[in-house]
Amino acid sequence: MTLPSYDSNQFAHGISQADFTSLVNNAAQPLFNKAISGAYPTGSIIKPLVASAALQAGTITPATTVTDKGFIQLPNPYNPSIVYTYRSWEPGGLGTLDLEHAIAMSSDIYFYTVGGGFGNVKGLGVNLLTSWYQKFGLGKKTGIDLPGETDGRVPTPAWKLKTTGQPWYLGDTFNISVGQGDILASPLQMAVALSSIVNGGNIMKPYLLKQVVDNNGQVTSTTQPQVVAKVPVSPANFQVVQAGMRLVITNGTGCCYIQQYVPVPVAGKTGTAETDPTAGKKPDAWFEAYAPADDPQIVMVAFLANAGEGANFAAPAVRDTLAWYFNPH
């Protein structure tokens, strides 16, 4: 679902020029299906993908710890007097964290390190990281039975050189490791990726049309679930990531927004993606979740453009929807 919406009956019965012009000129873009056609920086909801990839690649274990001091500094390789600083969302740092707690507290420093490498942690590196993003279905259409779907974008060194004429830097890897920089995805792509984490690694082709029924009430065709790819992550590694996402809700960045309203255990991940803060724009708010955490039945991804922090704006939307879903009236 995408909001704001519009009355499609206007088109069925013949829309006036005034009404059509109003829709087209609406800054909130009601005619644009943001769920499938919009491509956005994902922010931290991408971290469970990075965690799954790093565990499976063997660059970390569940016990790997990183000390989050609030920043990482990298000297310019050509001029060491120039130092680049990559900061965490928590200026004072989050302390020493293992993987589950890094997911729970959404440590940027941990995932900079896991994605790009720093200190004693080798890191995935850009080539391995981007190949894993592609395994999770990013950078290509999901194949949903609707027109106008975006491919999104998984940036690579070759793409950057062709597009900007600039080489790829470690800082670029840091950025895409936390869902910033040039990586873009639709809410639907992230929902498909999250589903694979909880269904054993299956990348499913999403669909809306369940059945076609003729005038006599006879079913002429039925859409069958289709697995289009398999993410090669072991069940044990997925379980570690799932535990971290459960910890988000019970004792992490999403702890105060979900569980007291939903009667089943929930797992999730907050995300806040910077857009253009220099222009005074608020970040995009994301939240992804699945429930029940111990027997998943539903996956949700909420995205609110230029709304603010994901925990403050996207998480309540997911909370209210899950509360309605599991408390039918």
C-alpha atoms as a PDB file:
ATOM      1  CA  MET A   1       0.000   0.000   0.000  1.00  0.00           C
ATOM      2  CA  THR A   2       1.191   3.503  -0.766  1.00  0.00           C
ATOM      3  CA  LEU A   3      -0.094   6.760   0.698  1.00  0.00           C
ATOM      4  CA  PRO A   4      -1.435   9.283  -0.041  1.00  0.00           C
ATOM      5  CA  SER A   5      -3.804   7.422  -2.315  1.00  0.00           C
ATOM      6  CA  TYR A   6      -6.508   8.564  -4.698  1.00  0.00           C
ATOM      7  CA  ASP A   7      -9.932   7.431  -5.875  1.00  0.00           C
ATOM      8  CA  SER A   8      -9.330   5.192  -8.895  1.00  0.00           C
ATOM      9  CA  ASN A   9     -13.026   5.473  -9.779  1.00  0.00           C
ATOM     10  CA  GLN A  10     -12.191   8.945 -11.040  1.00  0.00           C
ATOM     11  CA  PHE A  11     -10.283   7.323 -13.895  1.00  0.00           C
ATOM     12  CA  ALA A  12     -12.862   4.600 -14.506  1.00  0.00           C
ATOM     13  CA  HIS A  13     -15.667   7.094 -15.000  1.00  0.00           C
ATOM     14  CA  GLY A  14     -13.634   9.845 -16.673  1.00  0.00           C
ATOM     15  CA  ILE A  15     -11.528  12.210 -14.614  1.00  0.00           C
ATOM     16  CA  SER A  16     -11.798  15.950 -15.076  1.00  0.00           C
ATOM     17  CA  GLN A  17      -8.793  17.950 -16.208  1.00  0.00           C
ATOM     18  CA  ALA A  18      -8.855  19.898 -12.944  1.00  0.00           C
ATOM     19  CA  ASP A  19      -8.824  16.761 -10.802  1.00  0.00           C
ATOM     20  CA  PHE A  20      -6.058  15.175 -12.899  1.00  0.00           C
ATOM     21  CA  THR A  21      -3.930  18.320 -12.726  1.00  0.00           C
ATOM     22  CA  SER A  22      -4.406  18.388  -8.958  1.00  0.00           C
ATOM     23  CA  LEU A  23      -3.142  14.811  -8.650  1.00  0.00           C
ATOM     24  CA  VAL A  24      -0.171  15.384 -10.942  1.00  0.00           C
ATOM     25  CA  ASN A  25       0.879  18.570  -9.152  1.00  0.00           C
ATOM     26  CA  ASN A  26       0.462  17.153  -5.650  1.00  0.00           C
ATOM     27  CA  ALA A  27       3.912  17.268  -3.998  1.00  0.00           C
ATOM     28  CA  ALA A  28       3.110  14.041  -2.117  1.00  0.00           C
ATOM     29  CA  GLN A  29       2.874  12.176  -5.482  1.00  0.00           C
ATOM     30  CA  PRO A  30      -0.315  10.158  -4.966  1.00  0.00           C
ATOM     31  CA  LEU A  31      -0.014   8.693  -8.504  1.00  0.00           C
ATOM     32  CA  PHE A  32       3.474   7.328  -7.767  1.00  0.00           C
ATOM     33  CA  ASN A  33       3.529   3.855  -6.225  1.00  0.00           C
ATOM     34  CA  LYS A  34       6.315   4.359  -3.701  1.00  0.00           C
ATOM     35  CA  ALA A  35       6.168   0.757  -2.500  1.00  0.00           C
ATOM     36  CA  ILE A  36       7.358  -0.691  -5.811  1.00  0.00           C
ATOM     37  CA  SER A  37       8.556   2.234  -7.938  1.00  0.00           C
ATOM     38  CA  GLY A  38      10.427   4.312  -5.380  1.00  0.00           C
ATOM     39  CA  ALA A  39      14.154   3.688  -4.852  1.00  0.00           C
ATOM     40  CA  TYR A  40      15.561   5.048  -1.592  1.00  0.00           C
ATOM     41  CA  PRO A  41      18.601   4.728   0.694  1.00  0.00           C
ATOM     42  CA  THR A  42      17.608   1.974   3.097  1.00  0.00           C
ATOM     43  CA  GLY A  43      19.314   3.137   6.247  1.00  0.00           C
ATOM     44  CA  SER A  44      19.877   0.540   8.931  1.00  0.00           C
ATOM     45  CA  ILE A  45      17.204  -1.957   7.903  1.00  0.00           C
ATOM     46  CA  ILE A  46      19.908  -3.319   5.593  1.00  0.00           C
ATOM     47  CA  LYS A  47      22.095  -4.382   8.546  1.00  0.00           C
ATOM     48  CA  PRO A  48      20.486  -7.836   8.958  1.00  0.00           C
ATOM     49  CA  LEU A  49      21.529  -8.569   5.367  1.00  0.00           C
ATOM     50  CA  VAL A  50      25.113  -7.512   6.116  1.00  0.00           C
ATOM     51  CA  ALA A  51      25.134  -9.602   9.291  1.00  0.00           C
ATOM     52  CA  SER A  52      23.857 -12.687   7.442  1.00  0.00           C
ATOM     53  CA  ALA A  53      26.451 -12.258   4.706  1.00  0.00           C
ATOM     54  CA  ALA A  54      29.374 -11.761   7.087  1.00  0.00           C
ATOM     55  CA  LEU A  55      28.432 -14.794   9.178  1.00  0.00           C
ATOM     56  CA  GLN A  56      28.127 -17.010   6.119  1.00  0.00           C
ATOM     57  CA  ALA A  57      31.338 -15.666   4.569  1.00  0.00           C
ATOM     58  CA  GLY A  58      33.159 -16.383   7.828  1.00  0.00           C
ATOM     59  CA  THR A  59      34.535 -12.868   8.245  1.00  0.00           C
ATOM     60  CA  ILE A  60      32.881 -12.714  11.681  1.00  0.00           C
ATOM     61  CA  THR A  61      31.292 -15.076  14.181  1.00  0.00           C
ATOM     62  CA  PRO A  62      28.358 -14.356  16.500  1.00  0.00           C
ATOM     63  CA  ALA A  63      30.920 -13.614  19.223  1.00  0.00           C
ATOM     64  CA  THR A  64      32.922 -11.060  17.208  1.00  0.00           C
ATOM     65  CA  THR A  65      32.997  -7.804  19.138  1.00  0.00           C
ATOM     66  CA  VAL A  66      33.641  -4.250  18.045  1.00  0.00           C
ATOM     67  CA  THR A  67      34.043  -1.268  20.360  1.00  0.00           C
ATOM     68  CA  ASP A  68      31.772   1.523  19.211  1.00  0.00           C
ATOM     69  CA  LYS A  69      33.365   4.807  20.334  1.00  0.00           C
ATOM     70  CA  GLY A  70      30.999   6.873  18.235  1.00  0.00           C
ATOM     71  CA  PHE A  71      33.297   7.299  15.230  1.00  0.00           C
ATOM     72  CA  ILE A  72      35.905   5.750  12.953  1.00  0.00           C
ATOM     73  CA  GLN A  73      38.704   7.821  11.457  1.00  0.00           C
ATOM     74  CA  LEU A  74      40.463   7.013   8.193  1.00  0.00           C
ATOM     75  CA  PRO A  75      43.538   8.913   6.985  1.00  0.00           C
ATOM     76  CA  ASN A  76      43.662   9.833   3.322  1.00  0.00           C
ATOM     77  CA  PRO A  77      45.976   7.209   1.750  1.00  0.00           C
ATOM     78  CA  TYR A  78      47.665   9.900  -0.352  1.00  0.00           C
ATOM     79  CA  ASN A  79      47.802  12.626   2.286  1.00  0.00           C
ATOM     80  CA  PRO A  80      47.752  11.264   5.855  1.00  0.00           C
ATOM     81  CA  SER A  81      47.280  14.758   7.247  1.00  0.00           C
ATOM     82  CA  ILE A  82      43.723  14.597   5.903  1.00  0.00           C
ATOM     83  CA  VAL A  83      41.521  12.429   8.113  1.00  0.00           C
ATOM     84  CA  TYR A  84      37.959  11.372   7.308  1.00  0.00           C
ATOM     85  CA  THR A  85      35.579  10.725  10.184  1.00  0.00           C
ATOM     86  CA  TYR A  86      32.662   8.301   9.952  1.00  0.00           C
ATOM     87  CA  ARG A  87      30.264   8.732  12.821  1.00  0.00           C
ATOM     88  CA  SER A  88      27.718   6.609  14.636  1.00  0.00           C
ATOM     89  CA  TRP A  89      24.172   7.719  15.312  1.00  0.00           C
ATOM     90  CA  GLU A  90      25.176   7.807  18.999  1.00  0.00           C
ATOM     91  CA  PRO A  91      27.933  10.461  19.345  1.00  0.00           C
ATOM     92  CA  GLY A  92      29.248   9.030  22.600  1.00  0.00           C
ATOM     93  CA  GLY A  93      29.393   5.500  21.241  1.00  0.00           C
ATOM     94  CA  LEU A  94      27.602   2.332  22.277  1.00  0.00           C
ATOM     95  CA  GLY A  95      30.507   0.469  23.869  1.00  0.00           C
ATOM     96  CA  THR A  96      31.694  -3.022  23.048  1.00  0.00           C
ATOM     97  CA  LEU A  97      29.073  -5.051  21.188  1.00  0.00           C
ATOM     98  CA  ASP A  98      28.735  -8.546  19.807  1.00  0.00           C
ATOM     99  CA  LEU A  99      26.690  -9.133  16.662  1.00  0.00           C
ATOM    100  CA  GLU A 100      23.264  -9.579  18.247  1.00  0.00           C
ATOM    101  CA  HIS A 101      23.637  -6.432  20.325  1.00  0.00           C
ATOM    102  CA  ALA A 102      25.048  -4.528  17.355  1.00  0.00           C
ATOM    103  CA  ILE A 103      21.842  -5.336  15.464  1.00  0.00           C
ATOM    104  CA  ALA A 104      19.724  -4.500  18.505  1.00  0.00           C
ATOM    105  CA  MET A 105      21.394  -1.121  19.032  1.00  0.00           C
ATOM    106  CA  SER A 106      21.969  -0.494  15.304  1.00  0.00           C
ATOM    107  CA  SER A 107      25.664   0.258  15.731  1.00  0.00           C
ATOM    108  CA  ASP A 108      26.971   2.018  12.640  1.00  0.00           C
ATOM    109  CA  ILE A 109      30.544   1.487  13.822  1.00  0.00           C
ATOM    110  CA  TYR A 110      30.023  -2.273  14.036  1.00  0.00           C
ATOM    111  CA  PHE A 111      28.641  -2.454  10.504  1.00  0.00           C
ATOM    112  CA  TYR A 112      31.197  -0.064   9.032  1.00  0.00           C
ATOM    113  CA  THR A 113      33.739  -2.528  10.389  1.00  0.00           C
ATOM    114  CA  VAL A 114      31.937  -5.668   9.249  1.00  0.00           C
ATOM    115  CA  GLY A 115      31.283  -4.266   5.778  1.00  0.00           C
ATOM    116  CA  GLY A 116      34.511  -2.485   4.996  1.00  0.00           C
ATOM    117  CA  GLY A 117      36.990  -3.835   7.504  1.00  0.00           C
ATOM    118  CA  PHE A 118      38.773  -1.958  10.263  1.00  0.00           C
ATOM    119  CA  GLY A 119      41.258  -2.829  12.998  1.00  0.00           C
ATOM    120  CA  ASN A 120      41.428  -6.584  13.501  1.00  0.00           C
ATOM    121  CA  VAL A 121      38.260  -7.283  11.508  1.00  0.00           C
ATOM    122  CA  LYS A 122      38.917  -7.994   7.839  1.00  0.00           C
ATOM    123  CA  GLY A 123      35.438  -7.046   6.648  1.00  0.00           C
ATOM    124  CA  LEU A 124      33.519  -8.250   3.619  1.00  0.00           C
ATOM    125  CA  GLY A 125      34.899  -5.651   1.217  1.00  0.00           C
ATOM    126  CA  VAL A 126      32.924  -4.022  -1.560  1.00  0.00           C
ATOM    127  CA  ASN A 127      32.921  -6.921  -4.029  1.00  0.00           C
ATOM    128  CA  LEU A 128      31.717  -9.529  -1.578  1.00  0.00           C
ATOM    129  CA  LEU A 129      29.268  -7.149   0.076  1.00  0.00           C
ATOM    130  CA  THR A 130      27.613  -6.081  -3.165  1.00  0.00           C
ATOM    131  CA  SER A 131      27.421  -9.673  -4.406  1.00  0.00           C
ATOM    132  CA  TRP A 132      25.538 -10.584  -1.227  1.00  0.00           C
ATOM    133  CA  TYR A 133      23.165  -7.665  -1.662  1.00  0.00           C
ATOM    134  CA  GLN A 134      22.389  -9.050  -5.100  1.00  0.00           C
ATOM    135  CA  LYS A 135      21.823 -12.525  -3.638  1.00  0.00           C
ATOM    136  CA  PHE A 136      19.174 -10.947  -1.398  1.00  0.00           C
ATOM    137  CA  GLY A 137      17.444  -9.575  -4.501  1.00  0.00           C
ATOM    138  CA  LEU A 138      18.608  -5.977  -4.400  1.00  0.00           C
ATOM    139  CA  GLY A 139      19.434  -4.210  -7.646  1.00  0.00           C
ATOM    140  CA  LYS A 140      16.769  -5.994  -9.715  1.00  0.00           C
ATOM    141  CA  LYS A 141      13.000  -6.160  -9.994  1.00  0.00           C
ATOM    142  CA  THR A 142      11.103  -8.598  -7.774  1.00  0.00           C
ATOM    143  CA  GLY A 143       8.742  -9.484 -10.622  1.00  0.00           C
ATOM    144  CA  ILE A 144       5.535  -8.425  -8.880  1.00  0.00           C
ATOM    145  CA  ASP A 145       2.463  -8.414 -11.147  1.00  0.00           C
ATOM    146  CA  LEU A 146       2.294  -4.610 -11.374  1.00  0.00           C
ATOM    147  CA  PRO A 147       3.843  -2.188 -13.871  1.00  0.00           C
ATOM    148  CA  GLY A 148       6.467   0.422 -13.083  1.00  0.00           C
ATOM    149  CA  GLU A 149       8.674  -1.522 -10.675  1.00  0.00           C
ATOM    150  CA  THR A 150      12.159  -0.140 -10.008  1.00  0.00           C
ATOM    151  CA  ASP A 151      15.417  -2.084 -10.174  1.00  0.00           C
ATOM    152  CA  GLY A 152      16.846  -0.075  -7.300  1.00  0.00           C
ATOM    153  CA  ARG A 153      20.633   0.115  -7.295  1.00  0.00           C
ATOM    154  CA  VAL A 154      23.547  -1.831  -5.887  1.00  0.00           C
ATOM    155  CA  PRO A 155      26.551   0.415  -6.579  1.00  0.00           C
ATOM    156  CA  THR A 156      29.904  -1.113  -7.506  1.00  0.00           C
ATOM    157  CA  PRO A 157      33.359   0.338  -8.193  1.00  0.00           C
ATOM    158  CA  ALA A 158      32.750  -0.063 -11.931  1.00  0.00           C
ATOM    159  CA  TRP A 159      29.393   1.714 -11.677  1.00  0.00           C
ATOM    160  CA  LYS A 160      30.906   4.606  -9.719  1.00  0.00           C
ATOM    161  CA  LEU A 161      33.816   5.032 -12.130  1.00  0.00           C
ATOM    162  CA  LYS A 162      31.481   5.037 -15.136  1.00  0.00           C
ATOM    163  CA  THR A 163      28.928   7.351 -13.499  1.00  0.00           C
ATOM    164  CA  THR A 164      31.150   9.855 -11.707  1.00  0.00           C
ATOM    165  CA  GLY A 165      34.649   9.271 -13.041  1.00  0.00           C
ATOM    166  CA  GLN A 166      35.792   8.689  -9.459  1.00  0.00           C
ATOM    167  CA  PRO A 167      37.374   5.569  -7.930  1.00  0.00           C
ATOM    168  CA  TRP A 168      35.758   3.615  -5.126  1.00  0.00           C
ATOM    169  CA  TYR A 169      36.983   4.363  -1.602  1.00  0.00           C
ATOM    170  CA  LEU A 170      36.733   2.473   1.659  1.00  0.00           C
ATOM    171  CA  GLY A 171      34.377   5.178   2.857  1.00  0.00           C
ATOM    172  CA  ASP A 172      31.973   4.207   0.061  1.00  0.00           C
ATOM    173  CA  THR A 173      31.956   0.660   1.419  1.00  0.00           C
ATOM    174  CA  PHE A 174      31.326   2.008   4.908  1.00  0.00           C
ATOM    175  CA  ASN A 175      28.354   3.974   3.607  1.00  0.00           C
ATOM    176  CA  ILE A 176      26.627   1.136   1.758  1.00  0.00           C
ATOM    177  CA  SER A 177      27.233  -1.145   4.769  1.00  0.00           C
ATOM    178  CA  VAL A 178      24.725   0.949   6.725  1.00  0.00           C
ATOM    179  CA  GLY A 179      22.305   1.655   3.878  1.00  0.00           C
ATOM    180  CA  GLN A 180      23.661   5.070   2.923  1.00  0.00           C
ATOM    181  CA  GLY A 181      25.688   6.345  -0.016  1.00  0.00           C
ATOM    182  CA  ASP A 182      24.566   5.233  -3.455  1.00  0.00           C
ATOM    183  CA  ILE A 183      22.623   2.081  -2.567  1.00  0.00           C
ATOM    184  CA  LEU A 184      18.893   2.313  -3.317  1.00  0.00           C
ATOM    185  CA  ALA A 185      16.012  -0.105  -2.804  1.00  0.00           C
ATOM    186  CA  SER A 186      12.240  -0.098  -2.844  1.00  0.00           C
ATOM    187  CA  PRO A 187      10.193  -1.009   0.233  1.00  0.00           C
ATOM    188  CA  LEU A 188       9.036  -4.135  -1.608  1.00  0.00           C
ATOM    189  CA  GLN A 189      12.614  -5.245  -2.303  1.00  0.00           C
ATOM    190  CA  MET A 190      13.433  -4.906   1.385  1.00  0.00           C
ATOM    191  CA  ALA A 191      10.307  -6.874   2.331  1.00  0.00           C
ATOM    192  CA  VAL A 192      11.343  -9.696  -0.004  1.00  0.00           C
ATOM    193  CA  ALA A 193      14.872  -9.666   1.436  1.00  0.00           C
ATOM    194  CA  LEU A 194      13.564  -9.730   5.009  1.00  0.00           C
ATOM    195  CA  SER A 195      11.236 -12.601   4.141  1.00  0.00           C
ATOM    196  CA  SER A 196      14.225 -14.648   3.026  1.00  0.00           C
ATOM    197  CA  ILE A 197      15.858 -14.215   6.438  1.00  0.00           C
ATOM    198  CA  VAL A 198      12.860 -15.786   8.170  1.00  0.00           C
ATOM    199  CA  ASN A 199      11.772 -18.395   5.590  1.00  0.00           C
ATOM    200  CA  GLY A 200      15.076 -20.225   5.207  1.00  0.00           C
ATOM    201  CA  GLY A 201      16.616 -18.153   2.438  1.00  0.00           C
ATOM    202  CA  ASN A 202      13.904 -18.265  -0.228  1.00  0.00           C
ATOM    203  CA  ILE A 203      13.615 -15.197  -2.459  1.00  0.00           C
ATOM    204  CA  MET A 204       9.918 -15.265  -3.323  1.00  0.00           C
ATOM    205  CA  LYS A 205       8.235 -13.640  -6.304  1.00  0.00           C
ATOM    206  CA  PRO A 206       5.554 -11.401  -4.791  1.00  0.00           C
ATOM    207  CA  TYR A 207       2.105 -11.261  -6.324  1.00  0.00           C
ATOM    208  CA  LEU A 208      -1.280  -9.602  -5.810  1.00  0.00           C
ATOM    209  CA  LEU A 209      -3.513 -11.691  -8.070  1.00  0.00           C
ATOM    210  CA  LYS A 210      -4.492 -14.882  -6.280  1.00  0.00           C
ATOM    211  CA  GLN A 211      -7.137 -16.263  -8.635  1.00  0.00           C
ATOM    212  CA  VAL A 212      -9.033 -15.528 -11.833  1.00  0.00           C
ATOM    213  CA  VAL A 213     -12.741 -16.415 -11.676  1.00  0.00           C
ATOM    214  CA  ASP A 214     -15.039 -16.448 -14.709  1.00  0.00           C
ATOM    215  CA  ASN A 215     -18.653 -15.271 -14.910  1.00  0.00           C
ATOM    216  CA  ASN A 216     -19.872 -18.667 -13.720  1.00  0.00           C
ATOM    217  CA  GLY A 217     -17.806 -18.507 -10.564  1.00  0.00           C
ATOM    218  CA  GLN A 218     -15.316 -21.077 -11.817  1.00  0.00           C
ATOM    219  CA  VAL A 219     -11.628 -20.571 -11.021  1.00  0.00           C
ATOM    220  CA  THR A 220      -9.748 -20.427 -14.315  1.00  0.00           C
ATOM    221  CA  SER A 221      -6.261 -19.854 -12.927  1.00  0.00           C
ATOM    222  CA  THR A 222      -4.497 -19.627  -9.584  1.00  0.00           C
ATOM    223  CA  THR A 223      -1.197 -17.955  -8.840  1.00  0.00           C
ATOM    224  CA  GLN A 224       1.260 -20.359  -7.238  1.00  0.00           C
ATOM    225  CA  PRO A 225       4.038 -19.251  -4.871  1.00  0.00           C
ATOM    226  CA  GLN A 226       7.321 -19.141  -6.744  1.00  0.00           C
ATOM    227  CA  VAL A 227      10.854 -19.297  -5.365  1.00  0.00           C
ATOM    228  CA  VAL A 228      13.085 -17.347  -7.759  1.00  0.00           C
ATOM    229  CA  ALA A 229      16.389 -17.666  -5.898  1.00  0.00           C
ATOM    230  CA  LYS A 230      17.951 -19.088  -2.773  1.00  0.00           C
ATOM    231  CA  VAL A 231      20.143 -17.076  -0.400  1.00  0.00           C
ATOM    232  CA  PRO A 232      22.962 -19.452   0.598  1.00  0.00           C
ATOM    233  CA  VAL A 233      22.973 -18.724   4.336  1.00  0.00           C
ATOM    234  CA  SER A 234      22.771 -21.557   6.856  1.00  0.00           C
ATOM    235  CA  PRO A 235      19.806 -21.852   9.229  1.00  0.00           C
ATOM    236  CA  ALA A 236      22.169 -21.389  12.176  1.00  0.00           C
ATOM    237  CA  ASN A 237      23.444 -18.072  10.831  1.00  0.00           C
ATOM    238  CA  PHE A 238      19.948 -16.840  10.055  1.00  0.00           C
ATOM    239  CA  GLN A 239      18.967 -17.730  13.621  1.00  0.00           C
ATOM    240  CA  VAL A 240      21.691 -15.448  14.999  1.00  0.00           C
ATOM    241  CA  VAL A 241      20.364 -12.557  12.914  1.00  0.00           C
ATOM    242  CA  GLN A 242      16.799 -13.337  13.956  1.00  0.00           C
ATOM    243  CA  ALA A 243      17.870 -13.256  17.606  1.00  0.00           C
ATOM    244  CA  GLY A 244      19.374  -9.816  17.066  1.00  0.00           C
ATOM    245  CA  MET A 245      16.165  -8.595  15.438  1.00  0.00           C
ATOM    246  CA  ARG A 246      14.131  -9.940  18.340  1.00  0.00           C
ATOM    247  CA  LEU A 247      16.478  -8.060  20.681  1.00  0.00           C
ATOM    248  CA  VAL A 248      15.690  -4.843  18.771  1.00  0.00           C
ATOM    249  CA  ILE A 249      12.154  -5.121  20.143  1.00  0.00           C
ATOM    250  CA  THR A 250      12.874  -6.379  23.652  1.00  0.00           C
ATOM    251  CA  ASN A 251      15.936  -4.317  24.520  1.00  0.00           C
ATOM    252  CA  GLY A 252      17.058  -2.243  21.549  1.00  0.00           C
ATOM    253  CA  THR A 253      16.187   0.687  19.338  1.00  0.00           C
ATOM    254  CA  GLY A 254      12.589  -0.487  18.882  1.00  0.00           C
ATOM    255  CA  CYS A 255      11.920  -1.565  22.464  1.00  0.00           C
ATOM    256  CA  CYS A 256       9.395   1.099  23.414  1.00  0.00           C
ATOM    257  CA  TYR A 257       7.208   1.059  20.330  1.00  0.00           C
ATOM    258  CA  ILE A 258       5.959  -2.401  19.554  1.00  0.00           C
ATOM    259  CA  GLN A 259       5.615  -5.229  22.021  1.00  0.00           C
ATOM    260  CA  GLN A 260       3.198  -3.771  24.557  1.00  0.00           C
ATOM    261  CA  TYR A 261       0.593  -3.338  21.810  1.00  0.00           C
ATOM    262  CA  VAL A 262       1.019  -6.621  19.929  1.00  0.00           C
ATOM    263  CA  PRO A 263      -0.033  -9.903  21.597  1.00  0.00           C
ATOM    264  CA  VAL A 264       2.608 -12.040  19.830  1.00  0.00           C
ATOM    265  CA  PRO A 265       6.402 -11.734  19.914  1.00  0.00           C
ATOM    266  CA  VAL A 266       7.743  -9.373  17.255  1.00  0.00           C
ATOM    267  CA  ALA A 267      11.207  -9.041  15.697  1.00  0.00           C
ATOM    268  CA  GLY A 268      12.288  -6.033  13.694  1.00  0.00           C
ATOM    269  CA  LYS A 269      14.833  -3.421  12.719  1.00  0.00           C
ATOM    270  CA  THR A 270      14.794   0.360  12.760  1.00  0.00           C
ATOM    271  CA  GLY A 271      16.207   2.459   9.942  1.00  0.00           C
ATOM    272  CA  THR A 272      16.910   6.163   9.467  1.00  0.00           C
ATOM    273  CA  ALA A 273      18.302   7.205   6.085  1.00  0.00           C
ATOM    274  CA  GLU A 274      19.818  10.636   5.545  1.00  0.00           C
ATOM    275  CA  THR A 275      18.602  12.332   2.379  1.00  0.00           C
ATOM    276  CA  ASP A 276      19.828  15.923   2.099  1.00  0.00           C
ATOM    277  CA  PRO A 277      20.368  17.371   5.572  1.00  0.00           C
ATOM    278  CA  THR A 278      22.247  20.362   4.155  1.00  0.00           C
ATOM    279  CA  ALA A 279      18.983  21.405   2.501  1.00  0.00           C
ATOM    280  CA  GLY A 280      17.122  21.015   5.765  1.00  0.00           C
ATOM    281  CA  LYS A 281      15.392  17.790   4.743  1.00  0.00           C
ATOM    282  CA  LYS A 282      14.501  15.306   7.448  1.00  0.00           C
ATOM    283  CA  PRO A 283      15.757  11.729   7.012  1.00  0.00           C
ATOM    284  CA  ASP A 284      13.584   8.963   5.630  1.00  0.00           C
ATOM    285  CA  ALA A 285      12.061   6.738   8.309  1.00  0.00           C
ATOM    286  CA  TRP A 286      12.084   2.934   7.926  1.00  0.00           C
ATOM    287  CA  PHE A 287      10.972   0.035  10.050  1.00  0.00           C
ATOM    288  CA  GLU A 288      10.838  -3.638   9.135  1.00  0.00           C
ATOM    289  CA  ALA A 289       9.313  -6.397  11.236  1.00  0.00           C
ATOM    290  CA  TYR A 290       7.962  -9.919  11.237  1.00  0.00           C
ATOM    291  CA  ALA A 291       5.650 -11.728  13.634  1.00  0.00           C
ATOM    292  CA  PRO A 292       5.234 -13.950  15.491  1.00  0.00           C
ATOM    293  CA  ALA A 293       8.986 -13.957  15.958  1.00  0.00           C
ATOM    294  CA  ASP A 294       8.996 -17.682  16.758  1.00  0.00           C
ATOM    295  CA  ASP A 295       6.605 -18.680  13.934  1.00  0.00           C
ATOM    296  CA  PRO A 296       6.528 -15.922  11.290  1.00  0.00           C
ATOM    297  CA  GLN A 297       3.222 -15.308   9.503  1.00  0.00           C
ATOM    298  CA  ILE A 298       3.605 -11.722   8.340  1.00  0.00           C
ATOM    299  CA  VAL A 299       6.468  -9.491   7.179  1.00  0.00           C
ATOM    300  CA  MET A 300       6.120  -5.720   7.088  1.00  0.00           C
ATOM    301  CA  VAL A 301       8.235  -2.824   5.867  1.00  0.00           C
ATOM    302  CA  ALA A 302       7.155   0.762   6.515  1.00  0.00           C
ATOM    303  CA  PHE A 303       8.753   3.731   4.773  1.00  0.00           C
ATOM    304  CA  LEU A 304       7.939   7.405   5.440  1.00  0.00           C
ATOM    305  CA  ALA A 305       9.757   9.888   3.226  1.00  0.00           C
ATOM    306  CA  ASN A 306      11.441  12.789   5.027  1.00  0.00           C
ATOM    307  CA  ALA A 307       9.609  12.009   8.252  1.00  0.00           C
ATOM    308  CA  GLY A 308      12.459  11.713  10.771  1.00  0.00           C
ATOM    309  CA  GLU A 309      13.817   8.880  12.904  1.00  0.00           C
ATOM    310  CA  GLY A 310      12.612   5.409  11.962  1.00  0.00           C
ATOM    311  CA  ALA A 311      11.925   4.461  15.573  1.00  0.00           C
ATOM    312  CA  ASN A 312       9.738   7.515  16.071  1.00  0.00           C
ATOM    313  CA  PHE A 313       7.730   7.516  12.856  1.00  0.00           C
ATOM    314  CA  ALA A 314       7.901   4.218  10.925  1.00  0.00           C
ATOM    315  CA  ALA A 315       7.855   1.903  13.949  1.00  0.00           C
ATOM    316  CA  PRO A 316       4.492   3.177  15.265  1.00  0.00           C
ATOM    317  CA  ALA A 317       2.943   2.542  11.824  1.00  0.00           C
ATOM    318  CA  VAL A 318       4.117  -1.072  11.961  1.00  0.00           C
ATOM    319  CA  ARG A 319       3.035  -1.370  15.601  1.00  0.00           C
ATOM    320  CA  ASP A 320      -0.511  -0.237  14.856  1.00  0.00           C
ATOM    321  CA  THR A 321      -0.813  -2.507  11.816  1.00  0.00           C
ATOM    322  CA  LEU A 322       0.439  -5.572  13.684  1.00  0.00           C
ATOM    323  CA  ALA A 323      -1.832  -4.775  16.621  1.00  0.00           C
ATOM    324  CA  TRP A 324      -4.791  -4.679  14.216  1.00  0.00           C
ATOM    325  CA  TYR A 325      -3.670  -7.848  12.418  1.00  0.00           C
ATOM    326  CA  PHE A 326      -3.337  -9.931  15.578  1.00  0.00           C
ATOM    327  CA  ASN A 327      -6.359  -8.404  17.332  1.00  0.00           C
ATOM    328  CA  PRO A 328      -9.124  -8.679  14.719  1.00  0.00           C
ATOM    329  CA  HIS A 329     -12.411  -6.995  15.612  1.00  0.00           C
END
